Amino acid sequence: MIKRLSIISLLYILGTLTSHAQSVLSSDSMAMKMAKAVQLQLHASDTQCYKIYTLYTRRNKQTDSLRAVGTNSAQPYAMIFINQAFYTDMKKILNPDQWLQYKNLENAKHQAAIKRLKEKGIEVQESYSAIPEY
């Protein structure tokens, strides 16, 4: 029984670690995919792309941590803080033309998401843009 229990425990631990590793890898690969898309759309340099990748990685880790804690009343405010920090740092990385282009792309994505939600009959508050003004 002890031998069987230890094998089951070992398999559980390995499964948990594998699941966590896949989650980290998929989060990192998603961050790289998003950074490369921004690089292509804005004609950003490789240095800018790397910095953007680190921003996406940081934001993904922060939002993953927030989700792991669960839902509470402070969560929307924490997301606002995370996104404000992300956009503030993104603005520092991009030149003014790239920043304007990035804002326009993000706002277009935001409007498309709102449209999809409305088509599904979900009521959406539209009083804010995807990227706040700084």
Protein backbone atom coordinates (compact mmCIF):
# COMPACT_ATOMS: atom_id res chain seq x y z
CA MET A 1 0.00 0.00 0.00
CA ILE A 2 2.76 2.45 0.89
CA LYS A 3 4.59 1.71 -2.35
CA ARG A 4 1.41 2.23 -4.35
CA LEU A 5 0.60 5.42 -2.48
CA SER A 6 4.06 6.82 -3.12
CA ILE A 7 3.81 6.02 -6.85
CA ILE A 8 0.40 7.68 -7.04
CA SER A 9 1.75 10.67 -5.13
CA LEU A 10 4.75 10.85 -7.43
CA LEU A 11 2.53 10.71 -10.51
CA TYR A 12 0.33 13.45 -9.07
CA ILE A 13 3.34 15.67 -8.36
CA LEU A 14 4.77 15.06 -11.83
CA GLY A 15 1.41 15.82 -13.39
CA THR A 16 1.11 19.04 -11.43
CA LEU A 17 4.62 20.12 -12.39
CA THR A 18 4.04 19.23 -16.04
CA SER A 19 0.79 21.15 -16.08
CA HIS A 20 2.49 24.17 -14.53
CA ALA A 21 5.39 23.94 -17.01
CA GLN A 22 2.95 23.80 -19.94
CA SER A 23 1.11 26.80 -18.55
CA VAL A 24 4.34 28.78 -18.25
CA LEU A 25 5.46 27.72 -21.71
CA SER A 26 2.14 28.60 -23.28
CA SER A 27 2.14 31.96 -21.47
CA ASP A 28 5.67 32.68 -22.68
CA SER A 29 4.95 31.53 -26.21
CA MET A 30 1.80 33.67 -26.26
CA ALA A 31 3.84 36.66 -25.08
CA MET A 32 6.36 36.05 -27.87
CA LYS A 33 3.58 35.70 -30.45
CA MET A 34 2.02 38.97 -29.32
CA ALA A 35 5.38 40.79 -29.29
CA LYS A 36 6.17 39.55 -32.80
CA ALA A 37 2.74 40.69 -34.03
CA VAL A 38 3.36 44.16 -32.60
CA GLN A 39 6.82 44.16 -34.18
CA LEU A 40 5.38 43.35 -37.60
CA GLN A 41 2.51 45.81 -37.36
CA LEU A 42 4.61 48.71 -36.08
CA HIS A 43 7.90 47.87 -37.81
CA ALA A 44 9.57 47.77 -34.40
CA SER A 45 13.23 46.87 -33.95
CA ASP A 46 14.41 43.59 -32.45
CA THR A 47 15.37 45.47 -29.27
CA GLN A 48 11.86 46.92 -29.03
CA CYS A 49 10.38 43.48 -29.70
CA TYR A 50 12.36 41.97 -26.82
CA LYS A 51 11.28 44.74 -24.45
CA ILE A 52 7.66 44.31 -25.57
CA TYR A 53 7.98 40.56 -25.01
CA THR A 54 9.16 41.17 -21.43
CA LEU A 55 6.17 43.49 -20.87
CA TYR A 56 3.70 40.88 -22.14
CA THR A 57 5.42 38.20 -20.04
CA ARG A 58 5.20 40.35 -16.90
CA ARG A 59 1.55 41.21 -17.53
CA ASN A 60 0.66 37.57 -18.21
CA LYS A 61 2.30 36.48 -14.95
CA GLN A 62 0.52 39.21 -13.01
CA THR A 63 -2.88 38.37 -14.47
CA ASP A 64 -2.29 34.64 -13.97
CA SER A 65 -1.46 35.31 -10.31
CA LEU A 66 -4.58 37.43 -9.98
CA ARG A 67 -6.74 34.68 -11.48
CA ALA A 68 -5.18 32.08 -9.18
CA VAL A 69 -6.30 34.08 -6.14
CA GLY A 70 -9.89 33.94 -7.35
CA THR A 71 -12.54 36.53 -7.93
CA ASN A 72 -13.04 39.33 -5.46
CA SER A 73 -14.18 42.93 -5.52
CA ALA A 74 -10.62 44.28 -5.80
CA GLN A 75 -9.79 42.24 -8.91
CA PRO A 76 -11.07 44.76 -11.50
CA TYR A 77 -9.04 47.52 -9.85
CA ALA A 78 -5.95 45.31 -9.81
CA MET A 79 -6.42 44.63 -13.54
CA ILE A 80 -6.66 48.37 -14.19
CA PHE A 81 -3.41 48.90 -12.30
CA ILE A 82 -1.67 46.07 -14.21
CA ASN A 83 -2.84 47.43 -17.55
CA GLN A 84 -1.92 51.03 -16.71
CA ALA A 85 1.62 49.93 -15.83
CA PHE A 86 1.76 47.89 -19.04
CA TYR A 87 0.67 50.79 -21.25
CA THR A 88 2.94 53.27 -19.45
CA ASP A 89 5.93 51.02 -20.10
CA MET A 90 4.81 50.30 -23.68
CA LYS A 91 4.68 54.03 -24.37
CA LYS A 92 8.30 54.32 -23.18
CA ILE A 93 9.43 51.59 -25.59
CA LEU A 94 7.69 52.84 -28.73
CA ASN A 95 8.43 56.05 -30.58
CA PRO A 96 5.54 58.58 -30.82
CA ASP A 97 4.40 57.35 -34.27
CA GLN A 98 4.48 53.72 -33.19
CA TRP A 99 2.61 54.59 -29.98
CA LEU A 100 -0.17 56.30 -31.92
CA GLN A 101 -0.39 53.35 -34.30
CA TYR A 102 -0.43 50.91 -31.35
CA LYS A 103 -3.22 52.85 -29.62
CA ASN A 104 -5.28 52.80 -32.81
CA LEU A 105 -4.77 49.04 -33.21
CA GLU A 106 -5.70 48.35 -29.58
CA ASN A 107 -8.78 50.57 -29.78
CA ALA A 108 -9.89 48.80 -32.96
CA LYS A 109 -9.52 45.41 -31.21
CA HIS A 110 -11.44 46.79 -28.24
CA GLN A 111 -14.29 48.02 -30.44
CA ALA A 112 -14.42 44.68 -32.26
CA ALA A 113 -14.68 42.85 -28.92
CA ILE A 114 -17.49 45.16 -27.80
CA LYS A 115 -19.31 44.55 -31.07
CA ARG A 116 -19.01 40.76 -30.65
CA LEU A 117 -20.39 40.97 -27.11
CA LYS A 118 -23.31 43.13 -28.22
CA GLU A 119 -24.09 40.70 -31.03
CA LYS A 120 -24.36 38.00 -28.36
CA GLY A 121 -26.82 40.19 -26.46
CA ILE A 122 -24.42 41.14 -23.69
CA GLU A 123 -24.76 44.68 -22.40
CA VAL A 124 -21.44 46.53 -22.48
CA GLN A 125 -20.37 49.86 -21.00
CA GLU A 126 -18.46 51.78 -23.67
CA SER A 127 -17.43 54.84 -21.70
CA TYR A 128 -13.72 54.09 -21.85
CA SER A 129 -11.15 53.37 -24.54
CA ALA A 130 -8.86 50.38 -24.60
CA ILE A 131 -5.87 52.56 -23.65
CA PRO A 132 -6.32 55.41 -21.20
CA GLU A 133 -4.78 58.77 -22.05
CA TYR A 134 -1.55 59.62 -20.25
